[in-house]
Amino acid sequence: MRRILLIEDDVHMHNMLTILLERHNYAVDVVFDGKDGIEKVKENNYLAVITDLHLADMNGLGVIDSIREVHENLPIIAISGGDYFRDGDLRLLDKAREMDINGVFTKPFEHHDLLNCLNKSVEQYQASKSKKGFFAFFRYGGD
């Protein structure tokens, strides 16, 4: 099964997404805050991360930045029910779209749109990892 991480502090949303993703052959690890999500990414080999942008302990942009420090090419999809930082007037979704991530979705969103984005991102990520492994084998004369 394809293993992904879901960082979502809304219990109803994480339950719904977990059911949806498991029905489409994803194994889903769930954490409820950004700090735990960052630690999980450091400890595991995920094929993708789906993160809420409004988390209780930190904003999702910080989560994305921290994940990028650990895994430069790991697919990341952001979801959000709101468009503003709690303490400022910067448009959160616009800022997320400027980052190097695979998709940004506003709640409520169409399930098939999220799945299409996730599937495409995972396929591209797996293909890029396969190419790197293939070339590394020949570069170092793998035995």
N, C-alpha and C. Protein backbone atom coordinates (compact mmCIF):
# COMPACT_ATOMS: atom_id res chain seq x y z
N MET A 1 0.83 -1.19 0.00
CA MET A 1 0.00 0.00 0.00
C MET A 1 0.87 1.25 0.00
N ARG A 2 0.37 2.29 -0.60
CA ARG A 2 1.10 3.57 -0.67
C ARG A 2 0.86 4.33 0.64
N ARG A 3 1.93 4.71 1.31
CA ARG A 3 1.83 5.31 2.64
C ARG A 3 2.01 6.83 2.56
N ILE A 4 1.03 7.53 3.15
CA ILE A 4 1.09 8.99 3.18
C ILE A 4 0.83 9.48 4.60
N LEU A 5 1.14 10.75 4.82
CA LEU A 5 0.90 11.39 6.11
C LEU A 5 -0.16 12.46 5.94
N LEU A 6 -1.12 12.47 6.86
CA LEU A 6 -2.16 13.49 6.91
C LEU A 6 -1.97 14.29 8.19
N ILE A 7 -1.78 15.60 8.05
CA ILE A 7 -1.65 16.49 9.20
C ILE A 7 -2.92 17.34 9.22
N GLU A 8 -3.81 17.03 10.15
CA GLU A 8 -5.13 17.68 10.19
C GLU A 8 -5.64 17.68 11.62
N ASP A 9 -5.97 18.86 12.15
CA ASP A 9 -6.42 18.93 13.54
C ASP A 9 -7.94 18.86 13.69
N ASP A 10 -8.68 18.87 12.61
CA ASP A 10 -10.14 18.74 12.67
C ASP A 10 -10.49 17.25 12.59
N VAL A 11 -11.08 16.72 13.66
CA VAL A 11 -11.35 15.28 13.75
C VAL A 11 -12.26 14.81 12.62
N HIS A 12 -13.30 15.56 12.31
CA HIS A 12 -14.23 15.16 11.26
C HIS A 12 -13.54 15.13 9.89
N MET A 13 -12.74 16.12 9.61
CA MET A 13 -12.03 16.18 8.33
C MET A 13 -11.01 15.05 8.23
N HIS A 14 -10.26 14.81 9.30
CA HIS A 14 -9.26 13.74 9.20
C HIS A 14 -9.93 12.38 9.09
N ASN A 15 -11.07 12.17 9.74
CA ASN A 15 -11.80 10.90 9.59
C ASN A 15 -12.28 10.71 8.15
N MET A 16 -12.87 11.76 7.59
CA MET A 16 -13.39 11.69 6.22
C MET A 16 -12.26 11.44 5.22
N LEU A 17 -11.16 12.17 5.36
CA LEU A 17 -10.04 11.99 4.43
C LEU A 17 -9.38 10.62 4.58
N THR A 18 -9.27 10.15 5.80
CA THR A 18 -8.68 8.82 6.02
C THR A 18 -9.50 7.75 5.33
N ILE A 19 -10.81 7.80 5.49
CA ILE A 19 -11.69 6.82 4.84
C ILE A 19 -11.55 6.91 3.32
N LEU A 20 -11.60 8.12 2.80
CA LEU A 20 -11.48 8.33 1.35
C LEU A 20 -10.16 7.77 0.82
N LEU A 21 -9.07 8.12 1.47
CA LEU A 21 -7.75 7.71 1.00
C LEU A 21 -7.53 6.21 1.14
N GLU A 22 -8.01 5.63 2.23
CA GLU A 22 -7.87 4.18 2.40
C GLU A 22 -8.67 3.42 1.34
N ARG A 23 -9.82 3.95 0.95
CA ARG A 23 -10.60 3.32 -0.12
C ARG A 23 -9.87 3.36 -1.47
N HIS A 24 -8.91 4.24 -1.59
CA HIS A 24 -8.13 4.36 -2.82
C HIS A 24 -6.70 3.85 -2.63
N ASN A 25 -6.57 2.87 -1.76
CA ASN A 25 -5.32 2.13 -1.57
C ASN A 25 -4.16 2.94 -1.00
N TYR A 26 -4.47 3.87 -0.14
CA TYR A 26 -3.43 4.59 0.60
C TYR A 26 -3.48 4.15 2.06
N ALA A 27 -2.31 3.90 2.63
CA ALA A 27 -2.19 3.72 4.08
C ALA A 27 -1.94 5.12 4.64
N VAL A 28 -2.74 5.52 5.62
CA VAL A 28 -2.70 6.90 6.10
C VAL A 28 -2.26 6.95 7.55
N ASP A 29 -1.16 7.65 7.80
CA ASP A 29 -0.77 7.99 9.17
C ASP A 29 -1.34 9.37 9.44
N VAL A 30 -1.95 9.56 10.60
CA VAL A 30 -2.58 10.83 10.94
C VAL A 30 -1.94 11.42 12.18
N VAL A 31 -1.63 12.71 12.10
CA VAL A 31 -1.22 13.48 13.27
C VAL A 31 -2.07 14.73 13.33
N PHE A 32 -2.17 15.30 14.53
CA PHE A 32 -3.09 16.40 14.75
C PHE A 32 -2.41 17.77 14.84
N ASP A 33 -1.08 17.80 14.79
CA ASP A 33 -0.43 19.11 14.83
C ASP A 33 0.84 19.10 13.98
N GLY A 34 1.32 20.29 13.69
CA GLY A 34 2.44 20.46 12.80
C GLY A 34 3.75 19.87 13.31
N LYS A 35 4.02 20.05 14.60
CA LYS A 35 5.28 19.54 15.16
C LYS A 35 5.35 18.03 15.06
N ASP A 36 4.25 17.34 15.38
CA ASP A 36 4.23 15.89 15.25
C ASP A 36 4.37 15.47 13.79
N GLY A 37 3.77 16.24 12.89
CA GLY A 37 3.88 15.95 11.47
C GLY A 37 5.30 16.04 10.97
N ILE A 38 6.00 17.07 11.38
CA ILE A 38 7.40 17.25 10.97
C ILE A 38 8.24 16.08 11.49
N GLU A 39 8.02 15.67 12.72
CA GLU A 39 8.77 14.54 13.29
C GLU A 39 8.47 13.25 12.53
N LYS A 40 7.20 13.02 12.18
CA LYS A 40 6.83 11.82 11.43
C LYS A 40 7.52 11.78 10.07
N VAL A 41 7.61 12.93 9.41
CA VAL A 41 8.27 12.99 8.10
C VAL A 41 9.75 12.65 8.25
N LYS A 42 10.37 13.10 9.34
CA LYS A 42 11.79 12.81 9.57
C LYS A 42 12.03 11.32 9.83
N GLU A 43 11.04 10.66 10.43
CA GLU A 43 11.20 9.27 10.86
C GLU A 43 10.73 8.24 9.85
N ASN A 44 9.96 8.65 8.83
CA ASN A 44 9.32 7.70 7.93
C ASN A 44 9.55 8.07 6.47
N ASN A 45 9.30 7.11 5.60
CA ASN A 45 9.40 7.33 4.16
C ASN A 45 8.00 7.38 3.57
N TYR A 46 7.44 8.55 3.51
CA TYR A 46 6.10 8.73 2.94
C TYR A 46 6.20 9.02 1.45
N LEU A 47 5.12 8.73 0.76
CA LEU A 47 5.02 9.08 -0.66
C LEU A 47 4.41 10.46 -0.85
N ALA A 48 3.77 10.99 0.19
CA ALA A 48 3.18 12.33 0.11
C ALA A 48 2.72 12.77 1.49
N VAL A 49 2.51 14.07 1.62
CA VAL A 49 1.95 14.67 2.83
C VAL A 49 0.78 15.55 2.42
N ILE A 50 -0.32 15.41 3.15
CA ILE A 50 -1.45 16.34 3.02
C ILE A 50 -1.52 17.08 4.35
N THR A 51 -1.45 18.40 4.31
CA THR A 51 -1.47 19.17 5.55
C THR A 51 -2.49 20.29 5.49
N ASP A 52 -3.14 20.49 6.62
CA ASP A 52 -4.01 21.65 6.79
C ASP A 52 -3.11 22.87 6.94
N LEU A 53 -3.59 24.01 6.50
CA LEU A 53 -2.80 25.24 6.66
C LEU A 53 -3.08 25.93 7.99
N HIS A 54 -4.22 25.64 8.60
CA HIS A 54 -4.58 26.22 9.90
C HIS A 54 -4.50 25.13 10.95
N LEU A 55 -3.37 25.05 11.63
CA LEU A 55 -3.19 24.06 12.69
C LEU A 55 -3.10 24.78 14.03
N ALA A 56 -3.42 24.07 15.09
CA ALA A 56 -3.47 24.69 16.41
C ALA A 56 -2.09 25.17 16.89
N ASP A 57 -1.04 24.41 16.57
CA ASP A 57 0.27 24.74 17.13
C ASP A 57 1.14 25.61 16.22
N MET A 58 0.87 25.61 14.93
CA MET A 58 1.66 26.41 14.00
C MET A 58 0.92 26.50 12.68
N ASN A 59 1.26 27.46 11.84
CA ASN A 59 0.57 27.51 10.55
C ASN A 59 1.20 26.51 9.59
N GLY A 60 0.42 26.10 8.62
CA GLY A 60 0.86 25.08 7.68
C GLY A 60 2.03 25.50 6.82
N LEU A 61 2.22 26.80 6.61
CA LEU A 61 3.36 27.25 5.82
C LEU A 61 4.68 26.89 6.51
N GLY A 62 4.70 27.00 7.82
CA GLY A 62 5.88 26.60 8.59
C GLY A 62 6.11 25.10 8.51
N VAL A 63 5.02 24.34 8.51
CA VAL A 63 5.12 22.89 8.36
C VAL A 63 5.74 22.56 7.00
N ILE A 64 5.22 23.20 5.96
CA ILE A 64 5.73 22.95 4.60
C ILE A 64 7.21 23.30 4.51
N ASP A 65 7.61 24.44 5.05
CA ASP A 65 9.02 24.84 5.03
C ASP A 65 9.90 23.80 5.75
N SER A 66 9.43 23.32 6.88
CA SER A 66 10.21 22.34 7.65
C SER A 66 10.31 21.01 6.91
N ILE A 67 9.24 20.59 6.25
CA ILE A 67 9.28 19.35 5.47
C ILE A 67 10.25 19.50 4.30
N ARG A 68 10.23 20.65 3.64
CA ARG A 68 11.13 20.89 2.51
C ARG A 68 12.59 20.84 2.93
N GLU A 69 12.91 21.21 4.17
CA GLU A 69 14.28 21.12 4.65
C GLU A 69 14.74 19.67 4.75
N VAL A 70 13.80 18.77 5.01
CA VAL A 70 14.12 17.35 5.18
C VAL A 70 14.01 16.58 3.87
N HIS A 71 12.94 16.84 3.12
CA HIS A 71 12.65 16.14 1.86
C HIS A 71 12.29 17.16 0.80
N GLU A 72 13.25 17.50 0.00
CA GLU A 72 13.10 18.56 -0.99
C GLU A 72 12.00 18.28 -2.01
N ASN A 73 11.82 17.01 -2.42
CA ASN A 73 10.90 16.70 -3.50
C ASN A 73 9.65 15.94 -3.07
N LEU A 74 9.45 15.71 -1.79
CA LEU A 74 8.29 14.98 -1.31
C LEU A 74 7.01 15.73 -1.69
N PRO A 75 6.06 15.06 -2.33
CA PRO A 75 4.81 15.74 -2.67
C PRO A 75 4.07 16.24 -1.42
N ILE A 76 3.64 17.50 -1.49
CA ILE A 76 2.88 18.11 -0.40
C ILE A 76 1.64 18.75 -1.00
N ILE A 77 0.52 18.46 -0.38
CA ILE A 77 -0.76 19.07 -0.76
C ILE A 77 -1.29 19.79 0.47
N ALA A 78 -1.69 21.05 0.28
CA ALA A 78 -2.22 21.85 1.38
C ALA A 78 -3.74 21.97 1.24
N ILE A 79 -4.41 21.91 2.38
CA ILE A 79 -5.86 22.13 2.41
C ILE A 79 -6.16 23.17 3.48
N SER A 80 -7.21 23.95 3.25
CA SER A 80 -7.55 24.99 4.21
C SER A 80 -9.01 25.38 4.09
N GLY A 81 -9.59 25.72 5.23
CA GLY A 81 -10.96 26.21 5.26
C GLY A 81 -11.01 27.73 5.31
N GLY A 82 -9.89 28.38 5.49
CA GLY A 82 -9.86 29.83 5.59
C GLY A 82 -8.72 30.40 4.78
N ASP A 83 -8.74 31.71 4.60
CA ASP A 83 -7.80 32.33 3.69
C ASP A 83 -6.86 33.34 4.34
N TYR A 84 -6.93 33.55 5.65
CA TYR A 84 -6.11 34.57 6.27
C TYR A 84 -5.35 34.01 7.46
N PHE A 85 -4.15 34.53 7.69
CA PHE A 85 -3.44 34.22 8.92
C PHE A 85 -4.28 34.74 10.08
N ARG A 86 -4.18 34.09 11.19
CA ARG A 86 -4.94 34.53 12.36
C ARG A 86 -4.47 35.89 12.86
N ASP A 87 -3.20 36.19 12.65
CA ASP A 87 -2.64 37.40 13.23
C ASP A 87 -2.13 38.39 12.19
N GLY A 88 -2.67 38.33 11.01
CA GLY A 88 -2.19 39.24 9.99
C GLY A 88 -3.14 39.30 8.82
N ASP A 89 -2.76 40.01 7.79
CA ASP A 89 -3.64 40.16 6.64
C ASP A 89 -3.07 39.53 5.38
N LEU A 90 -2.02 38.74 5.50
CA LEU A 90 -1.49 38.04 4.34
C LEU A 90 -2.46 36.93 3.94
N ARG A 91 -2.67 36.79 2.68
CA ARG A 91 -3.57 35.76 2.20
C ARG A 91 -2.86 34.41 2.23
N LEU A 92 -3.32 33.57 3.12
CA LEU A 92 -2.69 32.28 3.38
C LEU A 92 -2.69 31.39 2.14
N LEU A 93 -3.80 31.28 1.46
CA LEU A 93 -3.86 30.40 0.29
C LEU A 93 -2.98 30.91 -0.84
N ASP A 94 -2.94 32.21 -1.04
CA ASP A 94 -2.05 32.76 -2.07
C ASP A 94 -0.60 32.47 -1.73
N LYS A 95 -0.24 32.62 -0.48
CA LYS A 95 1.13 32.34 -0.04
C LYS A 95 1.46 30.86 -0.25
N ALA A 96 0.51 29.99 0.06
CA ALA A 96 0.74 28.55 -0.14
C ALA A 96 0.93 28.23 -1.62
N ARG A 97 0.16 28.87 -2.48
CA ARG A 97 0.28 28.61 -3.92
C ARG A 97 1.63 29.06 -4.47
N GLU A 98 2.28 30.01 -3.81
CA GLU A 98 3.60 30.47 -4.24
C GLU A 98 4.71 29.52 -3.82
N MET A 99 4.40 28.61 -2.91
CA MET A 99 5.42 27.67 -2.42
C MET A 99 5.56 26.51 -3.40
N ASP A 100 6.61 25.77 -3.23
CA ASP A 100 6.89 24.62 -4.09
C ASP A 100 6.12 23.40 -3.57
N ILE A 101 4.79 23.40 -3.79
CA ILE A 101 3.97 22.28 -3.39
C ILE A 101 3.12 21.82 -4.57
N ASN A 102 2.48 20.68 -4.41
CA ASN A 102 1.80 20.04 -5.52
C ASN A 102 0.34 20.45 -5.70
N GLY A 103 -0.27 21.00 -4.67
CA GLY A 103 -1.65 21.41 -4.79
C GLY A 103 -2.12 22.15 -3.56
N VAL A 104 -3.11 23.02 -3.76
CA VAL A 104 -3.75 23.76 -2.67
C VAL A 104 -5.24 23.66 -2.88
N PHE A 105 -5.95 23.20 -1.86
CA PHE A 105 -7.39 23.01 -1.95
C PHE A 105 -8.10 23.73 -0.82
N THR A 106 -9.19 24.41 -1.17
CA THR A 106 -10.01 25.11 -0.19
C THR A 106 -11.18 24.22 0.19
N LYS A 107 -11.38 24.04 1.49
CA LYS A 107 -12.51 23.25 1.99
C LYS A 107 -13.79 24.05 1.79
N PRO A 108 -14.86 23.45 1.37
CA PRO A 108 -14.96 22.07 0.90
C PRO A 108 -14.40 21.96 -0.52
N PHE A 109 -13.85 20.81 -0.83
CA PHE A 109 -13.28 20.57 -2.16
C PHE A 109 -13.85 19.27 -2.69
N GLU A 110 -13.72 19.10 -3.99
CA GLU A 110 -14.18 17.87 -4.62
C GLU A 110 -13.18 16.75 -4.34
N HIS A 111 -13.66 15.65 -3.84
CA HIS A 111 -12.78 14.54 -3.49
C HIS A 111 -11.96 14.06 -4.68
N HIS A 112 -12.59 13.98 -5.84
CA HIS A 112 -11.86 13.49 -7.00
C HIS A 112 -10.73 14.44 -7.41
N ASP A 113 -10.89 15.73 -7.17
CA ASP A 113 -9.80 16.68 -7.48
C ASP A 113 -8.59 16.42 -6.59
N LEU A 114 -8.85 16.22 -5.30
CA LEU A 114 -7.75 15.92 -4.38
C LEU A 114 -7.09 14.60 -4.75
N LEU A 115 -7.88 13.58 -5.03
CA LEU A 115 -7.32 12.27 -5.40
C LEU A 115 -6.51 12.33 -6.69
N ASN A 116 -7.01 13.06 -7.68
CA ASN A 116 -6.27 13.20 -8.93
C ASN A 116 -4.92 13.87 -8.69
N CYS A 117 -4.91 14.93 -7.91
CA CYS A 117 -3.67 15.63 -7.60
C CYS A 117 -2.72 14.72 -6.84
N LEU A 118 -3.24 14.01 -5.85
CA LEU A 118 -2.41 13.11 -5.06
C LEU A 118 -1.84 11.98 -5.91
N ASN A 119 -2.69 11.33 -6.69
CA ASN A 119 -2.22 10.22 -7.53
C ASN A 119 -1.14 10.66 -8.51
N LYS A 120 -1.36 11.78 -9.17
CA LYS A 120 -0.39 12.29 -10.13
C LYS A 120 0.93 12.64 -9.44
N SER A 121 0.84 13.28 -8.28
CA SER A 121 2.04 13.68 -7.54
C SER A 121 2.83 12.47 -7.07
N VAL A 122 2.13 11.45 -6.58
CA VAL A 122 2.80 10.23 -6.11
C VAL A 122 3.46 9.50 -7.27
N GLU A 123 2.76 9.41 -8.40
CA GLU A 123 3.34 8.75 -9.58
C GLU A 123 4.62 9.44 -10.03
N GLN A 124 4.59 10.77 -10.10
CA GLN A 124 5.77 11.52 -10.51
C GLN A 124 6.92 11.35 -9.51
N TYR A 125 6.58 11.36 -8.23
CA TYR A 125 7.59 11.20 -7.18
C TYR A 125 8.24 9.82 -7.25
N GLN A 126 7.42 8.78 -7.42
CA GLN A 126 7.96 7.43 -7.52
C GLN A 126 8.82 7.27 -8.77
N ALA A 127 8.40 7.86 -9.87
CA ALA A 127 9.18 7.79 -11.11
C ALA A 127 10.53 8.49 -10.94
N SER A 128 10.54 9.63 -10.28
CA SER A 128 11.80 10.35 -10.08
C SER A 128 12.73 9.58 -9.16
N LYS A 129 12.19 8.91 -8.15
CA LYS A 129 13.00 8.10 -7.25
C LYS A 129 13.57 6.89 -7.98
N SER A 130 12.79 6.29 -8.87
CA SER A 130 13.24 5.13 -9.64
C SER A 130 14.39 5.52 -10.56
N LYS A 131 14.26 6.68 -11.21
CA LYS A 131 15.32 7.14 -12.10
C LYS A 131 16.61 7.37 -11.33
N LYS A 132 16.50 8.01 -10.17
CA LYS A 132 17.70 8.27 -9.36
C LYS A 132 18.36 6.96 -8.96
N GLY A 133 17.58 6.00 -8.54
CA GLY A 133 18.12 4.70 -8.15
C GLY A 133 18.77 3.98 -9.31
N PHE A 134 18.14 4.06 -10.47
CA PHE A 134 18.65 3.41 -11.68
C PHE A 134 20.01 3.99 -12.06
N PHE A 135 20.09 5.32 -12.10
CA PHE A 135 21.35 5.95 -12.50
C PHE A 135 22.43 5.78 -11.44
N ALA A 136 22.04 5.77 -10.18
CA ALA A 136 23.02 5.57 -9.11
C ALA A 136 23.61 4.16 -9.20
N PHE A 137 22.81 3.19 -9.58
CA PHE A 137 23.28 1.82 -9.73
C PHE A 137 24.40 1.74 -10.76
N PHE A 138 24.20 2.39 -11.90
CA PHE A 138 25.21 2.34 -12.95
C PHE A 138 26.39 3.27 -12.67
N ARG A 139 26.14 4.38 -12.02
CA ARG A 139 27.21 5.32 -11.71
C ARG A 139 28.22 4.68 -10.77
N TYR A 140 27.74 3.89 -9.82
CA TYR A 140 28.61 3.30 -8.83
C TYR A 140 28.89 1.83 -9.09
N GLY A 141 28.49 1.34 -10.27
CA GLY A 141 28.78 -0.04 -10.64
C GLY A 141 28.14 -1.05 -9.73
N GLY A 142 26.90 -0.76 -9.33
CA GLY A 142 26.19 -1.58 -8.34
C GLY A 142 26.35 -3.07 -8.52
N ASP A 143 26.54 -3.75 -7.43
CA ASP A 143 26.67 -5.21 -7.42
C ASP A 143 25.49 -5.79 -6.68
